[in-house]
Amino acid sequence: MDENTVESSSIRVEIYDESYHLRGSDTAYIQHLAEVVDAKMRAIAQHTTTVDSLRVAVLAALNIADEYYQLRRKYEGIEREQSRSTTHLRALDMALDVALDEALSDLRRTG
């Protein structure tokens, strides 16, 4: 077997009282994702009058997508701020280098 090959395992999960057989390299992660989806669907079902599991699944998917895009926007904002801070710190570093070089040059000339 190639060392870059990821071994895939099968896992049975329950989501909204339905059983699914899924495959993946990290069964604990897959189980966790299934639990998140199940919890989201159950939370939505408590706040809606529909008993249609497909409708509940679509509402859960929209809710999860909304959470994802809100987090993505927040991450991108943090990334932009970090980039600005890094640029600012680099400019300060260059200014300090120039000032230090000038101070050392002055000391060499006077000393």
PDB file of N, CA and C in Angstrom:
ATOM      1  N   MET A   1       0.844  -1.186   0.000  1.00  0.00           N
ATOM      2  CA  MET A   1       0.000   0.000   0.000  1.00  0.00           C
ATOM      3  C   MET A   1       0.884   1.241   0.000  1.00  0.00           C
ATOM      4  N   ASP A   2       0.541   2.210  -0.795  1.00  0.00           N
ATOM      5  CA  ASP A   2       1.263   3.480  -0.900  1.00  0.00           C
ATOM      6  C   ASP A   2       1.155   4.218   0.431  1.00  0.00           C
ATOM      7  N   GLU A   3       2.241   4.846   0.891  1.00  0.00           N
ATOM      8  CA  GLU A   3       2.225   5.534   2.179  1.00  0.00           C
ATOM      9  C   GLU A   3       1.304   6.741   2.198  1.00  0.00           C
ATOM     10  N   ASN A   4       0.923   7.279   1.019  1.00  0.00           N
ATOM     11  CA  ASN A   4       0.016   8.430   0.947  1.00  0.00           C
ATOM     12  C   ASN A   4      -1.444   8.005   0.910  1.00  0.00           C
ATOM     13  N   THR A   5      -1.709   6.707   0.822  1.00  0.00           N
ATOM     14  CA  THR A   5      -3.076   6.216   0.778  1.00  0.00           C
ATOM     15  C   THR A   5      -3.694   6.320   2.167  1.00  0.00           C
ATOM     16  N   VAL A   6      -4.879   6.898   2.227  1.00  0.00           N
ATOM     17  CA  VAL A   6      -5.597   7.020   3.487  1.00  0.00           C
ATOM     18  C   VAL A   6      -6.609   5.891   3.542  1.00  0.00           C
ATOM     19  N   GLU A   7      -6.542   5.121   4.622  1.00  0.00           N
ATOM     20  CA  GLU A   7      -7.454   3.999   4.759  1.00  0.00           C
ATOM     21  C   GLU A   7      -8.828   4.511   5.167  1.00  0.00           C
ATOM     22  N   SER A   8      -9.861   3.972   4.541  1.00  0.00           N
ATOM     23  CA  SER A   8     -11.226   4.395   4.785  1.00  0.00           C
ATOM     24  C   SER A   8     -11.960   3.300   5.558  1.00  0.00           C
ATOM     25  N   SER A   9     -12.703   3.703   6.575  1.00  0.00           N
ATOM     26  CA  SER A   9     -13.472   2.766   7.378  1.00  0.00           C
ATOM     27  C   SER A   9     -14.947   3.107   7.280  1.00  0.00           C
ATOM     28  N   SER A  10     -15.773   2.121   7.542  1.00  0.00           N
ATOM     29  CA  SER A  10     -17.222   2.306   7.493  1.00  0.00           C
ATOM     30  C   SER A  10     -17.741   2.526   8.910  1.00  0.00           C
ATOM     31  N   ILE A  11     -18.741   3.381   9.019  1.00  0.00           N
ATOM     32  CA  ILE A  11     -19.371   3.652  10.312  1.00  0.00           C
ATOM     33  C   ILE A  11     -20.875   3.805  10.097  1.00  0.00           C
ATOM     34  N   ARG A  12     -21.644   3.313  11.052  1.00  0.00           N
ATOM     35  CA  ARG A  12     -23.095   3.476  11.020  1.00  0.00           C
ATOM     36  C   ARG A  12     -23.444   4.606  11.973  1.00  0.00           C
ATOM     37  N   VAL A  13     -24.190   5.603  11.474  1.00  0.00           N
ATOM     38  CA  VAL A  13     -24.602   6.733  12.295  1.00  0.00           C
ATOM     39  C   VAL A  13     -26.114   6.875  12.233  1.00  0.00           C
ATOM     40  N   GLU A  14     -26.671   7.510  13.236  1.00  0.00           N
ATOM     41  CA  GLU A  14     -28.102   7.802  13.293  1.00  0.00           C
ATOM     42  C   GLU A  14     -28.280   9.310  13.206  1.00  0.00           C
ATOM     43  N   ILE A  15     -29.065   9.740  12.229  1.00  0.00           N
ATOM     44  CA  ILE A  15     -29.392  11.154  12.093  1.00  0.00           C
ATOM     45  C   ILE A  15     -30.904  11.258  11.960  1.00  0.00           C
ATOM     46  N   TYR A  16     -31.500  11.899  12.926  1.00  0.00           N
ATOM     47  CA  TYR A  16     -32.942  12.146  12.927  1.00  0.00           C
ATOM     48  C   TYR A  16     -33.720  10.844  12.726  1.00  0.00           C
ATOM     49  N   ASP A  17     -33.336   9.849  13.518  1.00  0.00           N
ATOM     50  CA  ASP A  17     -33.968   8.521  13.554  1.00  0.00           C
ATOM     51  C   ASP A  17     -33.807   7.719  12.266  1.00  0.00           C
ATOM     52  N   GLU A  18     -32.861   8.091  11.447  1.00  0.00           N
ATOM     53  CA  GLU A  18     -32.530   7.332  10.238  1.00  0.00           C
ATOM     54  C   GLU A  18     -31.095   6.843  10.354  1.00  0.00           C
ATOM     55  N   SER A  19     -30.862   5.627   9.880  1.00  0.00           N
ATOM     56  CA  SER A  19     -29.532   5.037   9.941  1.00  0.00           C
ATOM     57  C   SER A  19     -28.814   5.253   8.609  1.00  0.00           C
ATOM     58  N   TYR A  20     -27.538   5.626   8.694  1.00  0.00           N
ATOM     59  CA  TYR A  20     -26.722   5.842   7.499  1.00  0.00           C
ATOM     60  C   TYR A  20     -25.390   5.121   7.691  1.00  0.00           C
ATOM     61  N   HIS A  21     -24.932   4.489   6.624  1.00  0.00           N
ATOM     62  CA  HIS A  21     -23.609   3.860   6.625  1.00  0.00           C
ATOM     63  C   HIS A  21     -22.691   4.775   5.825  1.00  0.00           C
ATOM     64  N   LEU A  22     -21.680   5.296   6.500  1.00  0.00           N
ATOM     65  CA  LEU A  22     -20.772   6.258   5.886  1.00  0.00           C
ATOM     66  C   LEU A  22     -19.349   5.719   5.932  1.00  0.00           C
ATOM     67  N   ARG A  23     -18.520   6.210   5.029  1.00  0.00           N
ATOM     68  CA  ARG A  23     -17.115   5.814   4.987  1.00  0.00           C
ATOM     69  C   ARG A  23     -16.242   7.053   5.113  1.00  0.00           C
ATOM     70  N   GLY A  24     -15.108   6.867   5.774  1.00  0.00           N
ATOM     71  CA  GLY A  24     -14.161   7.952   5.901  1.00  0.00           C
ATOM     72  C   GLY A  24     -12.944   7.496   6.673  1.00  0.00           C
ATOM     73  N   SER A  25     -11.927   8.342   6.691  1.00  0.00           N
ATOM     74  CA  SER A  25     -10.676   7.978   7.359  1.00  0.00           C
ATOM     75  C   SER A  25     -10.735   8.221   8.863  1.00  0.00           C
ATOM     76  N   ASP A  26     -11.659   9.063   9.324  1.00  0.00           N
ATOM     77  CA  ASP A  26     -11.752   9.390  10.749  1.00  0.00           C
ATOM     78  C   ASP A  26     -13.187   9.153  11.221  1.00  0.00           C
ATOM     79  N   THR A  27     -13.443   7.947  11.693  1.00  0.00           N
ATOM     80  CA  THR A  27     -14.818   7.589  12.070  1.00  0.00           C
ATOM     81  C   THR A  27     -15.320   8.407  13.262  1.00  0.00           C
ATOM     82  N   ALA A  28     -14.438   8.783  14.173  1.00  0.00           N
ATOM     83  CA  ALA A  28     -14.862   9.605  15.318  1.00  0.00           C
ATOM     84  C   ALA A  28     -15.347  10.972  14.831  1.00  0.00           C
ATOM     85  N   TYR A  29     -14.646  11.517  13.848  1.00  0.00           N
ATOM     86  CA  TYR A  29     -15.042  12.812  13.282  1.00  0.00           C
ATOM     87  C   TYR A  29     -16.385  12.694  12.555  1.00  0.00           C
ATOM     88  N   ILE A  30     -16.550  11.636  11.789  1.00  0.00           N
ATOM     89  CA  ILE A  30     -17.819  11.410  11.083  1.00  0.00           C
ATOM     90  C   ILE A  30     -18.951  11.273  12.090  1.00  0.00           C
ATOM     91  N   GLN A  31     -18.716  10.532  13.165  1.00  0.00           N
ATOM     92  CA  GLN A  31     -19.729  10.375  14.207  1.00  0.00           C
ATOM     93  C   GLN A  31     -20.079  11.726  14.820  1.00  0.00           C
ATOM     94  N   HIS A  32     -19.074  12.538  15.067  1.00  0.00           N
ATOM     95  CA  HIS A  32     -19.303  13.879  15.627  1.00  0.00           C
ATOM     96  C   HIS A  32     -20.140  14.728  14.668  1.00  0.00           C
ATOM     97  N   LEU A  33     -19.802  14.707  13.388  1.00  0.00           N
ATOM     98  CA  LEU A  33     -20.577  15.470  12.403  1.00  0.00           C
ATOM     99  C   LEU A  33     -22.033  15.011  12.375  1.00  0.00           C
ATOM    100  N   ALA A  34     -22.230  13.712  12.420  1.00  0.00           N
ATOM    101  CA  ALA A  34     -23.596  13.165  12.425  1.00  0.00           C
ATOM    102  C   ALA A  34     -24.358  13.649  13.658  1.00  0.00           C
ATOM    103  N   GLU A  35     -23.683  13.702  14.797  1.00  0.00           N
ATOM    104  CA  GLU A  35     -24.327  14.188  16.025  1.00  0.00           C
ATOM    105  C   GLU A  35     -24.698  15.662  15.908  1.00  0.00           C
ATOM    106  N   VAL A  36     -23.836  16.446  15.283  1.00  0.00           N
ATOM    107  CA  VAL A  36     -24.118  17.871  15.086  1.00  0.00           C
ATOM    108  C   VAL A  36     -25.346  18.040  14.184  1.00  0.00           C
ATOM    109  N   VAL A  37     -25.383  17.304  13.078  1.00  0.00           N
ATOM    110  CA  VAL A  37     -26.517  17.396  12.151  1.00  0.00           C
ATOM    111  C   VAL A  37     -27.796  16.927  12.840  1.00  0.00           C
ATOM    112  N   ASP A  38     -27.722  15.821  13.578  1.00  0.00           N
ATOM    113  CA  ASP A  38     -28.892  15.312  14.290  1.00  0.00           C
ATOM    114  C   ASP A  38     -29.406  16.350  15.291  1.00  0.00           C
ATOM    115  N   ALA A  39     -28.500  16.941  16.053  1.00  0.00           N
ATOM    116  CA  ALA A  39     -28.904  17.948  17.046  1.00  0.00           C
ATOM    117  C   ALA A  39     -29.528  19.163  16.373  1.00  0.00           C
ATOM    118  N   LYS A  40     -28.950  19.588  15.249  1.00  0.00           N
ATOM    119  CA  LYS A  40     -29.482  20.745  14.531  1.00  0.00           C
ATOM    120  C   LYS A  40     -30.893  20.441  14.017  1.00  0.00           C
ATOM    121  N   MET A  41     -31.064  19.244  13.451  1.00  0.00           N
ATOM    122  CA  MET A  41     -32.384  18.877  12.932  1.00  0.00           C
ATOM    123  C   MET A  41     -33.409  18.809  14.054  1.00  0.00           C
ATOM    124  N   ARG A  42     -33.020  18.253  15.189  1.00  0.00           N
ATOM    125  CA  ARG A  42     -33.966  18.152  16.314  1.00  0.00           C
ATOM    126  C   ARG A  42     -34.315  19.537  16.873  1.00  0.00           C
ATOM    127  N   ALA A  43     -33.347  20.422  16.918  1.00  0.00           N
ATOM    128  CA  ALA A  43     -33.611  21.785  17.404  1.00  0.00           C
ATOM    129  C   ALA A  43     -34.578  22.504  16.464  1.00  0.00           C
ATOM    130  N   ILE A  44     -34.379  22.328  15.164  1.00  0.00           N
ATOM    131  CA  ILE A  44     -35.268  22.971  14.191  1.00  0.00           C
ATOM    132  C   ILE A  44     -36.660  22.363  14.256  1.00  0.00           C
ATOM    133  N   ALA A  45     -36.736  21.053  14.403  1.00  0.00           N
ATOM    134  CA  ALA A  45     -38.033  20.378  14.483  1.00  0.00           C
ATOM    135  C   ALA A  45     -38.842  20.869  15.680  1.00  0.00           C
ATOM    136  N   GLN A  46     -38.168  21.231  16.760  1.00  0.00           N
ATOM    137  CA  GLN A  46     -38.870  21.741  17.943  1.00  0.00           C
ATOM    138  C   GLN A  46     -39.476  23.121  17.698  1.00  0.00           C
ATOM    139  N   HIS A  47     -38.935  23.856  16.718  1.00  0.00           N
ATOM    140  CA  HIS A  47     -39.392  25.226  16.475  1.00  0.00           C
ATOM    141  C   HIS A  47     -40.207  25.368  15.196  1.00  0.00           C
ATOM    142  N   THR A  48     -40.633  24.260  14.643  1.00  0.00           N
ATOM    143  CA  THR A  48     -41.439  24.327  13.430  1.00  0.00           C
ATOM    144  C   THR A  48     -42.592  23.338  13.546  1.00  0.00           C
ATOM    145  N   THR A  49     -43.601  23.556  12.758  1.00  0.00           N
ATOM    146  CA  THR A  49     -44.771  22.671  12.817  1.00  0.00           C
ATOM    147  C   THR A  49     -44.667  21.513  11.833  1.00  0.00           C
ATOM    148  N   THR A  50     -43.673  21.535  10.947  1.00  0.00           N
ATOM    149  CA  THR A  50     -43.562  20.491   9.937  1.00  0.00           C
ATOM    150  C   THR A  50     -43.048  19.186  10.542  1.00  0.00           C
ATOM    151  N   VAL A  51     -43.548  18.078  10.010  1.00  0.00           N
ATOM    152  CA  VAL A  51     -43.061  16.762  10.415  1.00  0.00           C
ATOM    153  C   VAL A  51     -42.291  16.108   9.266  1.00  0.00           C
ATOM    154  N   ASP A  52     -42.181  16.828   8.156  1.00  0.00           N
ATOM    155  CA  ASP A  52     -41.474  16.328   6.980  1.00  0.00           C
ATOM    156  C   ASP A  52     -39.970  16.377   7.239  1.00  0.00           C
ATOM    157  N   SER A  53     -39.347  15.209   7.314  1.00  0.00           N
ATOM    158  CA  SER A  53     -37.921  15.160   7.647  1.00  0.00           C
ATOM    159  C   SER A  53     -37.058  15.813   6.571  1.00  0.00           C
ATOM    160  N   LEU A  54     -37.485  15.768   5.309  1.00  0.00           N
ATOM    161  CA  LEU A  54     -36.722  16.437   4.251  1.00  0.00           C
ATOM    162  C   LEU A  54     -36.736  17.942   4.472  1.00  0.00           C
ATOM    163  N   ARG A  55     -37.879  18.473   4.827  1.00  0.00           N
ATOM    164  CA  ARG A  55     -37.995  19.908   5.086  1.00  0.00           C
ATOM    165  C   ARG A  55     -37.132  20.313   6.291  1.00  0.00           C
ATOM    166  N   VAL A  56     -37.160  19.493   7.335  1.00  0.00           N
ATOM    167  CA  VAL A  56     -36.341  19.744   8.513  1.00  0.00           C
ATOM    168  C   VAL A  56     -34.860  19.703   8.130  1.00  0.00           C
ATOM    169  N   ALA A  57     -34.478  18.736   7.277  1.00  0.00           N
ATOM    170  CA  ALA A  57     -33.087  18.611   6.834  1.00  0.00           C
ATOM    171  C   ALA A  57     -32.656  19.842   6.036  1.00  0.00           C
ATOM    172  N   VAL A  58     -33.531  20.338   5.166  1.00  0.00           N
ATOM    173  CA  VAL A  58     -33.199  21.521   4.371  1.00  0.00           C
ATOM    174  C   VAL A  58     -33.055  22.737   5.285  1.00  0.00           C
ATOM    175  N   LEU A  59     -33.946  22.892   6.244  1.00  0.00           N
ATOM    176  CA  LEU A  59     -33.835  24.012   7.186  1.00  0.00           C
ATOM    177  C   LEU A  59     -32.560  23.896   8.016  1.00  0.00           C
ATOM    178  N   ALA A  60     -32.209  22.680   8.418  1.00  0.00           N
ATOM    179  CA  ALA A  60     -30.966  22.466   9.167  1.00  0.00           C
ATOM    180  C   ALA A  60     -29.758  22.805   8.294  1.00  0.00           C
ATOM    181  N   ALA A  61     -29.797  22.382   7.035  1.00  0.00           N
ATOM    182  CA  ALA A  61     -28.691  22.679   6.114  1.00  0.00           C
ATOM    183  C   ALA A  61     -28.540  24.185   5.926  1.00  0.00           C
ATOM    184  N   LEU A  62     -29.638  24.894   5.776  1.00  0.00           N
ATOM    185  CA  LEU A  62     -29.579  26.351   5.643  1.00  0.00           C
ATOM    186  C   LEU A  62     -29.012  26.992   6.904  1.00  0.00           C
ATOM    187  N   ASN A  63     -29.409  26.487   8.056  1.00  0.00           N
ATOM    188  CA  ASN A  63     -28.908  27.005   9.322  1.00  0.00           C
ATOM    189  C   ASN A  63     -27.413  26.764   9.459  1.00  0.00           C
ATOM    190  N   ILE A  64     -26.960  25.565   9.118  1.00  0.00           N
ATOM    191  CA  ILE A  64     -25.531  25.231   9.187  1.00  0.00           C
ATOM    192  C   ILE A  64     -24.746  26.071   8.180  1.00  0.00           C
ATOM    193  N   ALA A  65     -25.295  26.255   6.973  1.00  0.00           N
ATOM    194  CA  ALA A  65     -24.633  27.084   5.961  1.00  0.00           C
ATOM    195  C   ALA A  65     -24.506  28.523   6.448  1.00  0.00           C
ATOM    196  N   ASP A  66     -25.553  29.035   7.086  1.00  0.00           N
ATOM    197  CA  ASP A  66     -25.510  30.391   7.634  1.00  0.00           C
ATOM    198  C   ASP A  66     -24.421  30.508   8.694  1.00  0.00           C
ATOM    199  N   GLU A  67     -24.346  29.548   9.597  1.00  0.00           N
ATOM    200  CA  GLU A  67     -23.302  29.557  10.621  1.00  0.00           C
ATOM    201  C   GLU A  67     -21.920  29.524   9.971  1.00  0.00           C
ATOM    202  N   TYR A  68     -21.776  28.684   8.956  1.00  0.00           N
ATOM    203  CA  TYR A  68     -20.493  28.563   8.259  1.00  0.00           C
ATOM    204  C   TYR A  68     -20.084  29.906   7.641  1.00  0.00           C
ATOM    205  N   TYR A  69     -21.005  30.554   6.922  1.00  0.00           N
ATOM    206  CA  TYR A  69     -20.657  31.811   6.257  1.00  0.00           C
ATOM    207  C   TYR A  69     -20.417  32.941   7.251  1.00  0.00           C
ATOM    208  N   GLN A  70     -21.120  32.945   8.376  1.00  0.00           N
ATOM    209  CA  GLN A  70     -20.843  33.948   9.404  1.00  0.00           C
ATOM    210  C   GLN A  70     -19.436  33.748   9.972  1.00  0.00           C
ATOM    211  N   LEU A  71     -19.080  32.504  10.254  1.00  0.00           N
ATOM    212  CA  LEU A  71     -17.731  32.217  10.760  1.00  0.00           C
ATOM    213  C   LEU A  71     -16.666  32.527   9.715  1.00  0.00           C
ATOM    214  N   ARG A  72     -16.971  32.236   8.459  1.00  0.00           N
ATOM    215  CA  ARG A  72     -16.022  32.522   7.379  1.00  0.00           C
ATOM    216  C   ARG A  72     -15.765  34.023   7.262  1.00  0.00           C
ATOM    217  N   ARG A  73     -16.842  34.826   7.312  1.00  0.00           N
ATOM    218  CA  ARG A  73     -16.674  36.283   7.265  1.00  0.00           C
ATOM    219  C   ARG A  73     -15.864  36.776   8.463  1.00  0.00           C
ATOM    220  N   LYS A  74     -16.148  36.218   9.636  1.00  0.00           N
ATOM    221  CA  LYS A  74     -15.405  36.610  10.840  1.00  0.00           C
ATOM    222  C   LYS A  74     -13.931  36.240  10.673  1.00  0.00           C
ATOM    223  N   TYR A  75     -13.650  35.042  10.184  1.00  0.00           N
ATOM    224  CA  TYR A  75     -12.272  34.593   9.961  1.00  0.00           C
ATOM    225  C   TYR A  75     -11.564  35.509   8.960  1.00  0.00           C
ATOM    226  N   GLU A  76     -12.252  35.836   7.868  1.00  0.00           N
ATOM    227  CA  GLU A  76     -11.641  36.708   6.853  1.00  0.00           C
ATOM    228  C   GLU A  76     -11.350  38.089   7.427  1.00  0.00           C
ATOM    229  N   GLY A  77     -12.218  38.591   8.287  1.00  0.00           N
ATOM    230  CA  GLY A  77     -11.978  39.878   8.940  1.00  0.00           C
ATOM    231  C   GLY A  77     -10.767  39.810   9.858  1.00  0.00           C
ATOM    232  N   ILE A  78     -10.655  38.731  10.608  1.00  0.00           N
ATOM    233  CA  ILE A  78      -9.499  38.539  11.486  1.00  0.00           C
ATOM    234  C   ILE A  78      -8.239  38.409  10.651  1.00  0.00           C
ATOM    235  N   GLU A  79      -8.333  37.681   9.550  1.00  0.00           N
ATOM    236  CA  GLU A  79      -7.182  37.501   8.658  1.00  0.00           C
ATOM    237  C   GLU A  79      -6.722  38.846   8.075  1.00  0.00           C
ATOM    238  N   ARG A  80      -7.681  39.689   7.657  1.00  0.00           N
ATOM    239  CA  ARG A  80      -7.338  41.014   7.129  1.00  0.00           C
ATOM    240  C   ARG A  80      -6.664  41.858   8.205  1.00  0.00           C
ATOM    241  N   GLU A  81      -7.219  41.838   9.409  1.00  0.00           N
ATOM    242  CA  GLU A  81      -6.651  42.618  10.509  1.00  0.00           C
ATOM    243  C   GLU A  81      -5.246  42.131  10.846  1.00  0.00           C
ATOM    244  N   GLN A  82      -5.054  40.833  10.842  1.00  0.00           N
ATOM    245  CA  GLN A  82      -3.734  40.271  11.119  1.00  0.00           C
ATOM    246  C   GLN A  82      -2.743  40.676  10.032  1.00  0.00           C
ATOM    247  N   SER A  83      -3.194  40.687   8.794  1.00  0.00           N
ATOM    248  CA  SER A  83      -2.333  41.083   7.686  1.00  0.00           C
ATOM    249  C   SER A  83      -1.931  42.558   7.818  1.00  0.00           C
ATOM    250  N   ARG A  84      -2.912  43.410   8.177  1.00  0.00           N
ATOM    251  CA  ARG A  84      -2.614  44.832   8.392  1.00  0.00           C
ATOM    252  C   ARG A  84      -1.632  45.015   9.538  1.00  0.00           C
ATOM    253  N   SER A  85      -1.832  44.272  10.614  1.00  0.00           N
ATOM    254  CA  SER A  85      -0.927  44.358  11.764  1.00  0.00           C
ATOM    255  C   SER A  85       0.474  43.913  11.377  1.00  0.00           C
ATOM    256  N   THR A  86       0.561  42.843  10.609  1.00  0.00           N
ATOM    257  CA  THR A  86       1.863  42.346  10.167  1.00  0.00           C
ATOM    258  C   THR A  86       2.561  43.383   9.294  1.00  0.00           C
ATOM    259  N   THR A  87       1.818  43.995   8.376  1.00  0.00           N
ATOM    260  CA  THR A  87       2.381  45.037   7.510  1.00  0.00           C
ATOM    261  C   THR A  87       2.869  46.208   8.351  1.00  0.00           C
ATOM    262  N   HIS A  88       2.073  46.606   9.333  1.00  0.00           N
ATOM    263  CA  HIS A  88       2.444  47.718  10.215  1.00  0.00           C
ATOM    264  C   HIS A  88       3.708  47.370  11.011  1.00  0.00           C
ATOM    265  N   LEU A  89       3.762  46.146  11.534  1.00  0.00           N
ATOM    266  CA  LEU A  89       4.932  45.736  12.312  1.00  0.00           C
ATOM    267  C   LEU A  89       6.185  45.660  11.441  1.00  0.00           C
ATOM    268  N   ARG A  90       6.040  45.219  10.202  1.00  0.00           N
ATOM    269  CA  ARG A  90       7.186  45.193   9.289  1.00  0.00           C
ATOM    270  C   ARG A  90       7.696  46.607   9.014  1.00  0.00           C
ATOM    271  N   ALA A  91       6.764  47.550   8.833  1.00  0.00           N
ATOM    272  CA  ALA A  91       7.153  48.942   8.598  1.00  0.00           C
ATOM    273  C   ALA A  91       7.879  49.496   9.823  1.00  0.00           C
ATOM    274  N   LEU A  92       7.367  49.189  11.011  1.00  0.00           N
ATOM    275  CA  LEU A  92       8.039  49.638  12.235  1.00  0.00           C
ATOM    276  C   LEU A  92       9.421  49.013  12.363  1.00  0.00           C
ATOM    277  N   ASP A  93       9.524  47.739  12.024  1.00  0.00           N
ATOM    278  CA  ASP A  93      10.803  47.037  12.087  1.00  0.00           C
ATOM    279  C   ASP A  93      11.820  47.688  11.150  1.00  0.00           C
ATOM    280  N   MET A  94      11.374  48.021   9.931  1.00  0.00           N
ATOM    281  CA  MET A  94      12.281  48.680   8.978  1.00  0.00           C
ATOM    282  C   MET A  94      12.677  50.064   9.485  1.00  0.00           C
ATOM    283  N   ALA A  95      11.721  50.797  10.056  1.00  0.00           N
ATOM    284  CA  ALA A  95      12.023  52.132  10.590  1.00  0.00           C
ATOM    285  C   ALA A  95      13.013  52.027  11.746  1.00  0.00           C
ATOM    286  N   LEU A  96      12.843  51.027  12.597  1.00  0.00           N
ATOM    287  CA  LEU A  96      13.781  50.830  13.705  1.00  0.00           C
ATOM    288  C   LEU A  96      15.165  50.455  13.183  1.00  0.00           C
ATOM    289  N   ASP A  97      15.218  49.624  12.157  1.00  0.00           N
ATOM    290  CA  ASP A  97      16.509  49.266  11.560  1.00  0.00           C
ATOM    291  C   ASP A  97      17.217  50.502  11.013  1.00  0.00           C
ATOM    292  N   VAL A  98      16.485  51.361  10.315  1.00  0.00           N
ATOM    293  CA  VAL A  98      17.056  52.588   9.754  1.00  0.00           C
ATOM    294  C   VAL A  98      17.545  53.489  10.885  1.00  0.00           C
ATOM    295  N   ALA A  99      16.717  53.660  11.925  1.00  0.00           N
ATOM    296  CA  ALA A  99      17.101  54.521  13.049  1.00  0.00           C
ATOM    297  C   ALA A  99      18.320  53.958  13.767  1.00  0.00           C
ATOM    298  N   LEU A 100      18.362  52.643  13.941  1.00  0.00           N
ATOM    299  CA  LEU A 100      19.511  52.021  14.593  1.00  0.00           C
ATOM    300  C   LEU A 100      20.772  52.184  13.745  1.00  0.00           C
ATOM    301  N   ASP A 101      20.639  51.970  12.444  1.00  0.00           N
ATOM    302  CA  ASP A 101      21.791  52.167  11.544  1.00  0.00           C
ATOM    303  C   ASP A 101      22.299  53.604  11.611  1.00  0.00           C
ATOM    304  N   GLU A 102      21.375  54.569  11.609  1.00  0.00           N
ATOM    305  CA  GLU A 102      21.771  55.986  11.689  1.00  0.00           C
ATOM    306  C   GLU A 102      22.451  56.286  13.020  1.00  0.00           C
ATOM    307  N   ALA A 103      21.892  55.728  14.114  1.00  0.00           N
ATOM    308  CA  ALA A 103      22.486  55.961  15.433  1.00  0.00           C
ATOM    309  C   ALA A 103      23.876  55.346  15.509  1.00  0.00           C
ATOM    310  N   LEU A 104      24.047  54.162  14.955  1.00  0.00           N
ATOM    311  CA  LEU A 104      25.363  53.517  14.959  1.00  0.00           C
ATOM    312  C   LEU A 104      26.358  54.282  14.083  1.00  0.00           C
ATOM    313  N   SER A 105      25.886  54.788  12.961  1.00  0.00           N
ATOM    314  CA  SER A 105      26.748  55.604  12.096  1.00  0.00           C
ATOM    315  C   SER A 105      27.184  56.864  12.808  1.00  0.00           C
ATOM    316  N   ASP A 106      26.271  57.540  13.504  1.00  0.00           N
ATOM    317  CA  ASP A 106      26.597  58.740  14.261  1.00  0.00           C
ATOM    318  C   ASP A 106      27.615  58.428  15.345  1.00  0.00           C
ATOM    319  N   LEU A 107      27.440  57.302  16.039  1.00  0.00           N
ATOM    320  CA  LEU A 107      28.383  56.920  17.091  1.00  0.00           C
ATOM    321  C   LEU A 107      29.773  56.648  16.518  1.00  0.00           C
ATOM    322  N   ARG A 108      29.813  56.019  15.367  1.00  0.00           N
ATOM    323  CA  ARG A 108      31.103  55.707  14.745  1.00  0.00           C
ATOM    324  C   ARG A 108      31.827  57.007  14.329  1.00  0.00           C
ATOM    325  N   ARG A 109      31.046  57.965  13.836  1.00  0.00           N
ATOM    326  CA  ARG A 109      31.651  59.237  13.394  1.00  0.00           C
ATOM    327  C   ARG A 109      32.134  60.064  14.582  1.00  0.00           C
ATOM    328  N   THR A 110      31.384  60.034  15.687  1.00  0.00           N
ATOM    329  CA  THR A 110      31.754  60.868  16.843  1.00  0.00           C
ATOM    330  C   THR A 110      32.663  60.119  17.818  1.00  0.00           C
ATOM    331  N   GLY A 111      32.678  58.838  17.755  1.00  0.00           N
ATOM    332  CA  GLY A 111      33.418  58.077  18.741  1.00  0.00           C
ATOM    333  C   GLY A 111      34.737  57.715  18.303  1.00  0.00           C
TER     334      GLY A 111
END
